[in-house]
PDB file of N, CA and C in Angstrom:
ATOM      1  N   MET A   1      47.599 111.603 148.002  1.00  0.00           N
ATOM      2  CA  MET A   1      48.726 110.835 147.560  1.00  0.00           C
ATOM      3  C   MET A   1      48.970 111.124 146.075  1.00  0.00           C
ATOM      4  N   GLU A   2      50.230 111.450 145.724  1.00  0.00           N
ATOM      5  CA  GLU A   2      50.595 111.757 144.339  1.00  0.00           C
ATOM      6  C   GLU A   2      50.899 110.476 143.571  1.00  0.00           C
ATOM      7  N   VAL A   3      50.581 110.517 142.304  1.00  0.00           N
ATOM      8  CA  VAL A   3      50.859 109.372 141.428  1.00  0.00           C
ATOM      9  C   VAL A   3      51.949 109.793 140.440  1.00  0.00           C
ATOM     10  N   TRP A   4      52.993 109.016 140.365  1.00  0.00           N
ATOM     11  CA  TRP A   4      54.103 109.295 139.468  1.00  0.00           C
ATOM     12  C   TRP A   4      54.043 108.337 138.283  1.00  0.00           C
ATOM     13  N   SER A   5      54.413 108.835 137.155  1.00  0.00           N
ATOM     14  CA  SER A   5      54.419 107.991 135.963  1.00  0.00           C
ATOM     15  C   SER A   5      55.705 108.246 135.185  1.00  0.00           C
ATOM     16  N   CYS A   6      56.277 107.195 134.656  1.00  0.00           N
ATOM     17  CA  CYS A   6      57.506 107.325 133.850  1.00  0.00           C
ATOM     18  C   CYS A   6      57.191 107.540 132.377  1.00  0.00           C
ATOM     19  N   ARG A   7      55.972 107.426 132.015  1.00  0.00           N
ATOM     20  CA  ARG A   7      55.595 107.611 130.624  1.00  0.00           C
ATOM     21  C   ARG A   7      55.596 109.091 130.276  1.00  0.00           C
ATOM     22  N   THR A   8      56.061 109.351 129.084  1.00  0.00           N
ATOM     23  CA  THR A   8      56.011 110.726 128.600  1.00  0.00           C
ATOM     24  C   THR A   8      54.731 110.890 127.789  1.00  0.00           C
ATOM     25  N   PRO A   9      54.193 112.067 127.781  1.00  0.00           N
ATOM     26  CA  PRO A   9      52.971 112.263 126.996  1.00  0.00           C
ATOM     27  C   PRO A   9      53.259 112.089 125.509  1.00  0.00           C
ATOM     28  N   ARG A  10      52.327 111.502 124.800  1.00  0.00           N
ATOM     29  CA  ARG A  10      52.500 111.292 123.365  1.00  0.00           C
ATOM     30  C   ARG A  10      52.375 112.618 122.635  1.00  0.00           C
ATOM     31  N   ARG A  11      53.159 112.713 121.563  1.00  0.00           N
ATOM     32  CA  ARG A  11      53.060 113.905 120.736  1.00  0.00           C
ATOM     33  C   ARG A  11      51.847 113.766 119.824  1.00  0.00           C
ATOM     34  N   SER A  12      51.305 114.895 119.484  1.00  0.00           N
ATOM     35  CA  SER A  12      50.194 114.854 118.541  1.00  0.00           C
ATOM     36  C   SER A  12      50.737 114.570 117.150  1.00  0.00           C
ATOM     37  N   SER A  13      49.878 114.167 116.267  1.00  0.00           N
ATOM     38  CA  SER A  13      50.311 113.852 114.906  1.00  0.00           C
ATOM     39  C   SER A  13      50.816 115.100 114.193  1.00  0.00           C
ATOM     40  N   VAL A  14      50.320 116.265 114.549  1.00  0.00           N
ATOM     41  CA  VAL A  14      50.786 117.519 113.950  1.00  0.00           C
ATOM     42  C   VAL A  14      52.226 117.789 114.369  1.00  0.00           C
ATOM     43  N   GLU A  15      52.516 117.595 115.657  1.00  0.00           N
ATOM     44  CA  GLU A  15      53.889 117.805 116.132  1.00  0.00           C
ATOM     45  C   GLU A  15      54.852 116.815 115.482  1.00  0.00           C
ATOM     46  N   SER A  16      54.448 115.566 115.352  1.00  0.00           N
ATOM     47  CA  SER A  16      55.294 114.549 114.726  1.00  0.00           C
ATOM     48  C   SER A  16      55.550 114.875 113.256  1.00  0.00           C
ATOM     49  N   ALA A  17      54.520 115.308 112.553  1.00  0.00           N
ATOM     50  CA  ALA A  17      54.679 115.651 111.143  1.00  0.00           C
ATOM     51  C   ALA A  17      55.601 116.866 110.986  1.00  0.00           C
ATOM     52  N   ARG A  18      55.434 117.840 111.867  1.00  0.00           N
ATOM     53  CA  ARG A  18      56.280 119.029 111.833  1.00  0.00           C
ATOM     54  C   ARG A  18      57.747 118.657 112.091  1.00  0.00           C
ATOM     55  N   ARG A  19      57.944 117.766 113.041  1.00  0.00           N
ATOM     56  CA  ARG A  19      59.309 117.341 113.376  1.00  0.00           C
ATOM     57  C   ARG A  19      59.937 116.585 112.201  1.00  0.00           C
ATOM     58  N   ARG A  20      59.190 115.662 111.578  1.00  0.00           N
ATOM     59  CA  ARG A  20      59.707 114.923 110.422  1.00  0.00           C
ATOM     60  C   ARG A  20      60.034 115.865 109.277  1.00  0.00           C
ATOM     61  N   LYS A  21      59.182 116.845 109.053  1.00  0.00           N
ATOM     62  CA  LYS A  21      59.406 117.807 107.973  1.00  0.00           C
ATOM     63  C   LYS A  21      60.673 118.625 108.243  1.00  0.00           C
ATOM     64  N   GLY A  22      60.862 119.056 109.474  1.00  0.00           N
ATOM     65  CA  GLY A  22      62.056 119.816 109.827  1.00  0.00           C
ATOM     66  C   GLY A  22      63.320 118.991 109.679  1.00  0.00           C
ATOM     67  N   LEU A  23      63.281 117.749 110.127  1.00  0.00           N
ATOM     68  CA  LEU A  23      64.449 116.875 109.986  1.00  0.00           C
ATOM     69  C   LEU A  23      64.745 116.575 108.516  1.00  0.00           C
ATOM     70  N   SER A  24      63.701 116.408 107.718  1.00  0.00           N
ATOM     71  CA  SER A  24      63.890 116.164 106.290  1.00  0.00           C
ATOM     72  C   SER A  24      64.541 117.353 105.611  1.00  0.00           C
ATOM     73  N   LEU A  25      64.085 118.554 105.936  1.00  0.00           N
ATOM     74  CA  LEU A  25      64.674 119.760 105.355  1.00  0.00           C
ATOM     75  C   LEU A  25      66.130 119.936 105.782  1.00  0.00           C
ATOM     76  N   ALA A  26      66.414 119.637 107.052  1.00  0.00           N
ATOM     77  CA  ALA A  26      67.797 119.741 107.527  1.00  0.00           C
ATOM     78  C   ALA A  26      68.694 118.740 106.820  1.00  0.00           C
ATOM     79  N   LEU A  27      68.218 117.523 106.622  1.00  0.00           N
ATOM     80  CA  LEU A  27      68.988 116.509 105.913  1.00  0.00           C
ATOM     81  C   LEU A  27      69.206 116.907 104.469  1.00  0.00           C
ATOM     82  N   LEU A  28      68.194 117.436 103.819  1.00  0.00           N
ATOM     83  CA  LEU A  28      68.314 117.881 102.441  1.00  0.00           C
ATOM     84  C   LEU A  28      69.339 119.009 102.323  1.00  0.00           C
ATOM     85  N   ALA A  29      69.300 119.952 103.244  1.00  0.00           N
ATOM     86  CA  ALA A  29      70.273 121.051 103.223  1.00  0.00           C
ATOM     87  C   ALA A  29      71.688 120.533 103.450  1.00  0.00           C
ATOM     88  N   PHE A  30      71.823 119.582 104.355  1.00  0.00           N
ATOM     89  CA  PHE A  30      73.143 119.003 104.648  1.00  0.00           C
ATOM     90  C   PHE A  30      73.709 118.291 103.434  1.00  0.00           C
ATOM     91  N   LEU A  31      72.858 117.582 102.695  1.00  0.00           N
ATOM     92  CA  LEU A  31      73.323 116.851 101.514  1.00  0.00           C
ATOM     93  C   LEU A  31      73.537 117.766 100.309  1.00  0.00           C
ATOM     94  N   ALA A  32      72.904 118.911 100.266  1.00  0.00           N
ATOM     95  CA  ALA A  32      73.025 119.810  99.127  1.00  0.00           C
ATOM     96  C   ALA A  32      74.273 120.675  99.188  1.00  0.00           C
ATOM     97  N   VAL A  33      74.861 120.860 100.347  1.00  0.00           N
ATOM     98  CA  VAL A  33      76.021 121.744 100.491  1.00  0.00           C
ATOM     99  C   VAL A  33      77.185 121.304  99.604  1.00  0.00           C
ATOM    100  N   PRO A  34      77.585 120.026  99.558  1.00  0.00           N
ATOM    101  CA  PRO A  34      78.700 119.654  98.679  1.00  0.00           C
ATOM    102  C   PRO A  34      78.405 119.875  97.199  1.00  0.00           C
ATOM    103  N   LEU A  35      77.148 119.797  96.808  1.00  0.00           N
ATOM    104  CA  LEU A  35      76.809 120.024  95.411  1.00  0.00           C
ATOM    105  C   LEU A  35      76.981 121.486  95.010  1.00  0.00           C
ATOM    106  N   LEU A  36      76.805 122.374  95.967  1.00  0.00           N
ATOM    107  CA  LEU A  36      76.918 123.801  95.668  1.00  0.00           C
ATOM    108  C   LEU A  36      78.366 124.285  95.674  1.00  0.00           C
ATOM    109  N   ALA A  37      79.244 123.544  96.340  1.00  0.00           N
ATOM    110  CA  ALA A  37      80.655 123.939  96.389  1.00  0.00           C
ATOM    111  C   ALA A  37      81.299 123.629  95.047  1.00  0.00           C
ATOM    112  N   SER A  38      82.023 124.593  94.518  1.00  0.00           N
ATOM    113  CA  SER A  38      82.688 124.366  93.226  1.00  0.00           C
ATOM    114  C   SER A  38      84.197 124.294  93.449  1.00  0.00           C
ATOM    115  N   ALA A  39      84.795 123.284  92.891  1.00  0.00           N
ATOM    116  CA  ALA A  39      86.240 123.089  93.023  1.00  0.00           C
ATOM    117  C   ALA A  39      86.960 123.835  91.904  1.00  0.00           C
ATOM    118  N   GLN A  40      88.144 124.287  92.221  1.00  0.00           N
ATOM    119  CA  GLN A  40      88.961 124.943  91.213  1.00  0.00           C
ATOM    120  C   GLN A  40      89.622 123.877  90.367  1.00  0.00           C
ATOM    121  N   GLU A  41      89.949 124.226  89.149  1.00  0.00           N
ATOM    122  CA  GLU A  41      90.657 123.313  88.278  1.00  0.00           C
ATOM    123  C   GLU A  41      92.072 123.123  88.788  1.00  0.00           C
ATOM    124  N   TYR A  42      92.515 121.881  88.860  1.00  0.00           N
ATOM    125  CA  TYR A  42      93.886 121.583  89.268  1.00  0.00           C
ATOM    126  C   TYR A  42      94.473 120.657  88.239  1.00  0.00           C
ATOM    127  N   PRO A  43      95.628 120.896  87.791  1.00  0.00           N
ATOM    128  CA  PRO A  43      96.482 122.060  88.011  1.00  0.00           C
ATOM    129  C   PRO A  43      96.216 123.129  86.953  1.00  0.00           C
ATOM    130  N   SER A  44      96.318 124.345  87.366  1.00  0.00           N
ATOM    131  CA  SER A  44      96.140 125.454  86.443  1.00  0.00           C
ATOM    132  C   SER A  44      97.457 126.167  86.156  1.00  0.00           C
ATOM    133  N   ARG A  45      98.531 125.691  86.752  1.00  0.00           N
ATOM    134  CA  ARG A  45      99.868 126.258  86.501  1.00  0.00           C
ATOM    135  C   ARG A  45     100.903 125.163  86.739  1.00  0.00           C
ATOM    136  N   PRO A  46     102.175 125.417  86.404  1.00  0.00           N
ATOM    137  CA  PRO A  46     103.200 124.374  86.553  1.00  0.00           C
ATOM    138  C   PRO A  46     103.362 123.889  87.996  1.00  0.00           C
ATOM    139  N   ILE A  47     103.731 122.626  88.122  1.00  0.00           N
ATOM    140  CA  ILE A  47     103.953 121.994  89.417  1.00  0.00           C
ATOM    141  C   ILE A  47     105.442 121.823  89.619  1.00  0.00           C
ATOM    142  N   ARG A  48     105.917 122.090  90.823  1.00  0.00           N
ATOM    143  CA  ARG A  48     107.336 121.931  91.136  1.00  0.00           C
ATOM    144  C   ARG A  48     107.523 120.676  91.983  1.00  0.00           C
ATOM    145  N   LEU A  49     108.398 119.793  91.509  1.00  0.00           N
ATOM    146  CA  LEU A  49     108.733 118.567  92.230  1.00  0.00           C
ATOM    147  C   LEU A  49     110.129 118.741  92.813  1.00  0.00           C
ATOM    148  N   VAL A  50     110.204 118.946  94.120  1.00  0.00           N
ATOM    149  CA  VAL A  50     111.486 119.176  94.790  1.00  0.00           C
ATOM    150  C   VAL A  50     112.134 117.833  95.104  1.00  0.00           C
ATOM    151  N   VAL A  51     113.355 117.646  94.583  1.00  0.00           N
ATOM    152  CA  VAL A  51     114.143 116.451  94.870  1.00  0.00           C
ATOM    153  C   VAL A  51     115.263 116.888  95.805  1.00  0.00           C
ATOM    154  N   PRO A  52     115.301 116.394  97.034  1.00  0.00           N
ATOM    155  CA  PRO A  52     116.272 116.897  98.012  1.00  0.00           C
ATOM    156  C   PRO A  52     117.674 116.297  97.888  1.00  0.00           C
ATOM    157  N   TYR A  53     118.021 115.802  96.713  1.00  0.00           N
ATOM    158  CA  TYR A  53     119.356 115.224  96.501  1.00  0.00           C
ATOM    159  C   TYR A  53     119.916 115.725  95.187  1.00  0.00           C
ATOM    160  N   ALA A  54     121.184 115.468  94.944  1.00  0.00           N
ATOM    161  CA  ALA A  54     121.897 115.988  93.773  1.00  0.00           C
ATOM    162  C   ALA A  54     121.365 115.389  92.473  1.00  0.00           C
ATOM    163  N   PRO A  55     121.488 116.144  91.381  1.00  0.00           N
ATOM    164  CA  PRO A  55     121.083 115.606  90.066  1.00  0.00           C
ATOM    165  C   PRO A  55     121.936 114.381  89.722  1.00  0.00           C
ATOM    166  N   GLY A  56     121.325 113.407  89.094  1.00  0.00           N
ATOM    167  CA  GLY A  56     122.036 112.199  88.699  1.00  0.00           C
ATOM    168  C   GLY A  56     121.990 111.099  89.741  1.00  0.00           C
ATOM    169  N   GLY A  57     121.458 111.383  90.907  1.00  0.00           N
ATOM    170  CA  GLY A  57     121.331 110.370  91.952  1.00  0.00           C
ATOM    171  C   GLY A  57     120.137 109.458  91.706  1.00  0.00           C
ATOM    172  N   GLY A  58     119.972 108.494  92.553  1.00  0.00           N
ATOM    173  CA  GLY A  58     118.904 107.513  92.383  1.00  0.00           C
ATOM    174  C   GLY A  58     117.510 108.129  92.396  1.00  0.00           C
ATOM    175  N   LEU A  59     117.249 109.011  93.341  1.00  0.00           N
ATOM    176  CA  LEU A  59     115.923 109.636  93.427  1.00  0.00           C
ATOM    177  C   LEU A  59     115.675 110.554  92.236  1.00  0.00           C
ATOM    178  N   ASP A  60     116.720 111.222  91.764  1.00  0.00           N
ATOM    179  CA  ASP A  60     116.587 112.096  90.606  1.00  0.00           C
ATOM    180  C   ASP A  60     116.267 111.276  89.360  1.00  0.00           C
ATOM    181  N   LEU A  61     116.964 110.145  89.197  1.00  0.00           N
ATOM    182  CA  LEU A  61     116.726 109.287  88.039  1.00  0.00           C
ATOM    183  C   LEU A  61     115.318 108.685  88.065  1.00  0.00           C
ATOM    184  N   PHE A  62     114.781 108.499  89.236  1.00  0.00           N
ATOM    185  CA  PHE A  62     113.407 107.999  89.371  1.00  0.00           C
ATOM    186  C   PHE A  62     112.389 109.123  89.158  1.00  0.00           C
ATOM    187  N   SER A  63     112.705 110.334  89.639  1.00  0.00           N
ATOM    188  CA  SER A  63     111.747 111.443  89.613  1.00  0.00           C
ATOM    189  C   SER A  63     111.531 112.018  88.234  1.00  0.00           C
ATOM    190  N   ARG A  64     112.530 112.016  87.396  1.00  0.00           N
ATOM    191  CA  ARG A  64     112.389 112.635  86.069  1.00  0.00           C
ATOM    192  C   ARG A  64     111.372 111.892  85.178  1.00  0.00           C
ATOM    193  N   PRO A  65     111.421 110.573  85.071  1.00  0.00           N
ATOM    194  CA  PRO A  65     110.355 109.907  84.282  1.00  0.00           C
ATOM    195  C   PRO A  65     108.963 110.077  84.899  1.00  0.00           C
ATOM    196  N   VAL A  66     108.904 110.120  86.233  1.00  0.00           N
ATOM    197  CA  VAL A  66     107.617 110.346  86.895  1.00  0.00           C
ATOM    198  C   VAL A  66     107.099 111.739  86.521  1.00  0.00           C
ATOM    199  N   ALA A  67     107.983 112.730  86.521  1.00  0.00           N
ATOM    200  CA  ALA A  67     107.588 114.089  86.157  1.00  0.00           C
ATOM    201  C   ALA A  67     107.114 114.154  84.701  1.00  0.00           C
ATOM    202  N   GLN A  68     107.793 113.427  83.810  1.00  0.00           N
ATOM    203  CA  GLN A  68     107.362 113.398  82.412  1.00  0.00           C
ATOM    204  C   GLN A  68     105.966 112.771  82.288  1.00  0.00           C
ATOM    205  N   GLN A  69     105.733 111.704  83.008  1.00  0.00           N
ATOM    206  CA  GLN A  69     104.436 111.046  82.944  1.00  0.00           C
ATOM    207  C   GLN A  69     103.337 111.936  83.536  1.00  0.00           C
ATOM    208  N   LEU A  70     103.646 112.618  84.635  1.00  0.00           N
ATOM    209  CA  LEU A  70     102.676 113.537  85.226  1.00  0.00           C
ATOM    210  C   LEU A  70     102.358 114.695  84.282  1.00  0.00           C
ATOM    211  N   THR A  71     103.401 115.191  83.581  1.00  0.00           N
ATOM    212  CA  THR A  71     103.189 116.272  82.618  1.00  0.00           C
ATOM    213  C   THR A  71     102.226 115.824  81.525  1.00  0.00           C
ATOM    214  N   ALA A  72     102.425 114.606  81.031  1.00  0.00           N
ATOM    215  CA  ALA A  72     101.540 114.098  79.977  1.00  0.00           C
ATOM    216  C   ALA A  72     100.126 113.865  80.502  1.00  0.00           C
ATOM    217  N   THR A  73     100.019 113.393  81.727  1.00  0.00           N
ATOM    218  CA  THR A  73      98.700 113.081  82.292  1.00  0.00           C
ATOM    219  C   THR A  73      97.920 114.327  82.691  1.00  0.00           C
ATOM    220  N   LEU A  74      98.588 115.272  83.352  1.00  0.00           N
ATOM    221  CA  LEU A  74      97.911 116.451  83.890  1.00  0.00           C
ATOM    222  C   LEU A  74      97.774 117.589  82.896  1.00  0.00           C
ATOM    223  N   GLY A  75      98.637 117.615  81.886  1.00  0.00           N
ATOM    224  CA  GLY A  75      98.573 118.690  80.906  1.00  0.00           C
ATOM    225  C   GLY A  75      99.263 119.965  81.343  1.00  0.00           C
ATOM    226  N   GLN A  76      99.967 119.932  82.438  1.00  0.00           N
ATOM    227  CA  GLN A  76     100.753 121.059  82.934  1.00  0.00           C
ATOM    228  C   GLN A  76     102.174 120.563  83.171  1.00  0.00           C
ATOM    229  N   PRO A  77     103.178 121.425  82.960  1.00  0.00           N
ATOM    230  CA  PRO A  77     104.555 120.964  83.187  1.00  0.00           C
ATOM    231  C   PRO A  77     104.835 120.683  84.649  1.00  0.00           C
ATOM    232  N   VAL A  78     105.580 119.613  84.880  1.00  0.00           N
ATOM    233  CA  VAL A  78     106.068 119.264  86.219  1.00  0.00           C
ATOM    234  C   VAL A  78     107.570 119.472  86.176  1.00  0.00           C
ATOM    235  N   ILE A  79     108.061 120.434  86.934  1.00  0.00           N
ATOM    236  CA  ILE A  79     109.463 120.829  86.913  1.00  0.00           C
ATOM    237  C   ILE A  79     110.185 120.166  88.071  1.00  0.00           C
ATOM    238  N   VAL A  80     111.275 119.437  87.760  1.00  0.00           N
ATOM    239  CA  VAL A  80     112.089 118.800  88.795  1.00  0.00           C
ATOM    240  C   VAL A  80     113.075 119.836  89.300  1.00  0.00           C
ATOM    241  N   ASP A  81     113.047 120.097  90.596  1.00  0.00           N
ATOM    242  CA  ASP A  81     113.898 121.098  91.231  1.00  0.00           C
ATOM    243  C   ASP A  81     114.796 120.401  92.238  1.00  0.00           C
ATOM    244  N   ASN A  82     116.079 120.197  91.863  1.00  0.00           N
ATOM    245  CA  ASN A  82     117.022 119.539  92.765  1.00  0.00           C
ATOM    246  C   ASN A  82     117.545 120.539  93.782  1.00  0.00           C
ATOM    247  N   ARG A  83     117.402 120.228  95.063  1.00  0.00           N
ATOM    248  CA  ARG A  83     117.906 121.055  96.156  1.00  0.00           C
ATOM    249  C   ARG A  83     118.718 120.162  97.086  1.00  0.00           C
ATOM    250  N   ALA A  84     119.959 119.935  96.694  1.00  0.00           N
ATOM    251  CA  ALA A  84     120.815 119.029  97.457  1.00  0.00           C
ATOM    252  C   ALA A  84     121.447 119.737  98.650  1.00  0.00           C
ATOM    253  N   GLY A  85     121.816 118.942  99.639  1.00  0.00           N
ATOM    254  CA  GLY A  85     122.547 119.454 100.785  1.00  0.00           C
ATOM    255  C   GLY A  85     121.923 119.055 102.104  1.00  0.00           C
ATOM    256  N   ALA A  86     122.791 118.901 103.085  1.00  0.00           N
ATOM    257  CA  ALA A  86     122.396 118.591 104.468  1.00  0.00           C
ATOM    258  C   ALA A  86     121.547 117.326 104.545  1.00  0.00           C
ATOM    259  N   ALA A  87     121.940 116.323 103.771  1.00  0.00           N
ATOM    260  CA  ALA A  87     121.258 115.022 103.773  1.00  0.00           C
ATOM    261  C   ALA A  87     119.760 115.141 103.483  1.00  0.00           C
ATOM    262  N   GLY A  88     119.399 116.045 102.585  1.00  0.00           N
ATOM    263  CA  GLY A  88     118.009 116.191 102.186  1.00  0.00           C
ATOM    264  C   GLY A  88     117.215 117.220 102.952  1.00  0.00           C
ATOM    265  N   ILE A  89     117.809 117.796 103.984  1.00  0.00           N
ATOM    266  CA  ILE A  89     117.068 118.750 104.818  1.00  0.00           C
ATOM    267  C   ILE A  89     116.772 120.037 104.073  1.00  0.00           C
ATOM    268  N   ILE A  90     117.699 120.490 103.245  1.00  0.00           N
ATOM    269  CA  ILE A  90     117.492 121.747 102.506  1.00  0.00           C
ATOM    270  C   ILE A  90     116.291 121.611 101.566  1.00  0.00           C
ATOM    271  N   GLY A  91     116.240 120.529 100.820  1.00  0.00           N
ATOM    272  CA  GLY A  91     115.112 120.308  99.924  1.00  0.00           C
ATOM    273  C   GLY A  91     113.799 120.171 100.679  1.00  0.00           C
ATOM    274  N   ALA A  92     113.854 119.503 101.829  1.00  0.00           N
ATOM    275  CA  ALA A  92     112.639 119.354 102.641  1.00  0.00           C
ATOM    276  C   ALA A  92     112.170 120.710 103.168  1.00  0.00           C
ATOM    277  N   GLN A  93     113.106 121.562 103.546  1.00  0.00           N
ATOM    278  CA  GLN A  93     112.728 122.908 104.018  1.00  0.00           C
ATOM    279  C   GLN A  93     112.139 123.742 102.901  1.00  0.00           C
ATOM    280  N   VAL A  94     112.687 123.606 101.686  1.00  0.00           N
ATOM    281  CA  VAL A  94     112.142 124.351 100.547  1.00  0.00           C
ATOM    282  C   VAL A  94     110.676 123.948 100.328  1.00  0.00           C
ATOM    283  N   ALA A  95     110.412 122.658 100.376  1.00  0.00           N
ATOM    284  CA  ALA A  95     109.030 122.188 100.178  1.00  0.00           C
ATOM    285  C   ALA A  95     108.135 122.596 101.346  1.00  0.00           C
ATOM    286  N   THR A  96     108.681 122.573 102.557  1.00  0.00           N
ATOM    287  CA  THR A  96     107.893 122.935 103.739  1.00  0.00           C
ATOM    288  C   THR A  96     107.530 124.417 103.728  1.00  0.00           C
ATOM    289  N   ASN A  97     108.437 125.264 103.275  1.00  0.00           N
ATOM    290  CA  ASN A  97     108.212 126.708 103.281  1.00  0.00           C
ATOM    291  C   ASN A  97     107.427 127.189 102.065  1.00  0.00           C
ATOM    292  N   ALA A  98     107.130 126.307 101.124  1.00  0.00           N
ATOM    293  CA  ALA A  98     106.366 126.704  99.935  1.00  0.00           C
ATOM    294  C   ALA A  98     104.918 126.967 100.330  1.00  0.00           C
ATOM    295  N   ALA A  99     104.241 127.707  99.478  1.00  0.00           N
ATOM    296  CA  ALA A  99     102.824 128.001  99.726  1.00  0.00           C
ATOM    297  C   ALA A  99     102.033 126.697  99.756  1.00  0.00           C
ATOM    298  N   PRO A 100     101.096 126.559 100.696  1.00  0.00           N
ATOM    299  CA  PRO A 100     100.326 125.317 100.809  1.00  0.00           C
ATOM    300  C   PRO A 100      99.197 125.244  99.778  1.00  0.00           C
ATOM    301  N   ASP A 101      99.551 125.284  98.502  1.00  0.00           N
ATOM    302  CA  ASP A 101      98.539 125.292  97.444  1.00  0.00           C
ATOM    303  C   ASP A 101      98.534 124.016  96.606  1.00  0.00           C
ATOM    304  N   GLY A 102      99.427 123.074  96.923  1.00  0.00           N
ATOM    305  CA  GLY A 102      99.451 121.811  96.189  1.00  0.00           C
ATOM    306  C   GLY A 102     100.282 121.834  94.931  1.00  0.00           C
ATOM    307  N   TYR A 103     101.005 122.920  94.686  1.00  0.00           N
ATOM    308  CA  TYR A 103     101.814 123.022  93.480  1.00  0.00           C
ATOM    309  C   TYR A 103     103.294 122.762  93.745  1.00  0.00           C
ATOM    310  N   THR A 104     103.666 122.449  94.950  1.00  0.00           N
ATOM    311  CA  THR A 104     105.027 122.058  95.294  1.00  0.00           C
ATOM    312  C   THR A 104     104.970 120.697  95.955  1.00  0.00           C
ATOM    313  N   LEU A 105     105.628 119.729  95.330  1.00  0.00           N
ATOM    314  CA  LEU A 105     105.647 118.362  95.839  1.00  0.00           C
ATOM    315  C   LEU A 105     107.074 118.002  96.242  1.00  0.00           C
ATOM    316  N   LEU A 106     107.221 117.147  97.231  1.00  0.00           N
ATOM    317  CA  LEU A 106     108.536 116.693  97.701  1.00  0.00           C
ATOM    318  C   LEU A 106     108.682 115.229  97.350  1.00  0.00           C
ATOM    319  N   ALA A 107     109.758 114.906  96.634  1.00  0.00           N
ATOM    320  CA  ALA A 107     110.042 113.515  96.283  1.00  0.00           C
ATOM    321  C   ALA A 107     110.890 112.907  97.383  1.00  0.00           C
ATOM    322  N   LEU A 108     110.451 111.789  97.903  1.00  0.00           N
ATOM    323  CA  LEU A 108     111.204 111.082  98.934  1.00  0.00           C
ATOM    324  C   LEU A 108     111.380 109.637  98.562  1.00  0.00           C
TER     325      LEU A 108
END
């Protein structure tokens, strides 16, 4: 007659120590990765703020002081680029088709 047991055999203390050491090293490596990554300086060139409406409109009057404040804060010029037409779609397309580098912003 066979005897069945649901208990698993205990690990030896050497196996447990080895496992803890491996998990500790993996955790240390996981936590060290962000420290090794270096971020680029932002902004390193002028920023374009696309306003999808005509100059002199409400959004333009709001965007220009914001651009001046951003210029003073970031140390790089923020250029307001009015792209009016098609109820804002043209300006939105200009911002959408720009390089995805964070240097083109859309004012809404």
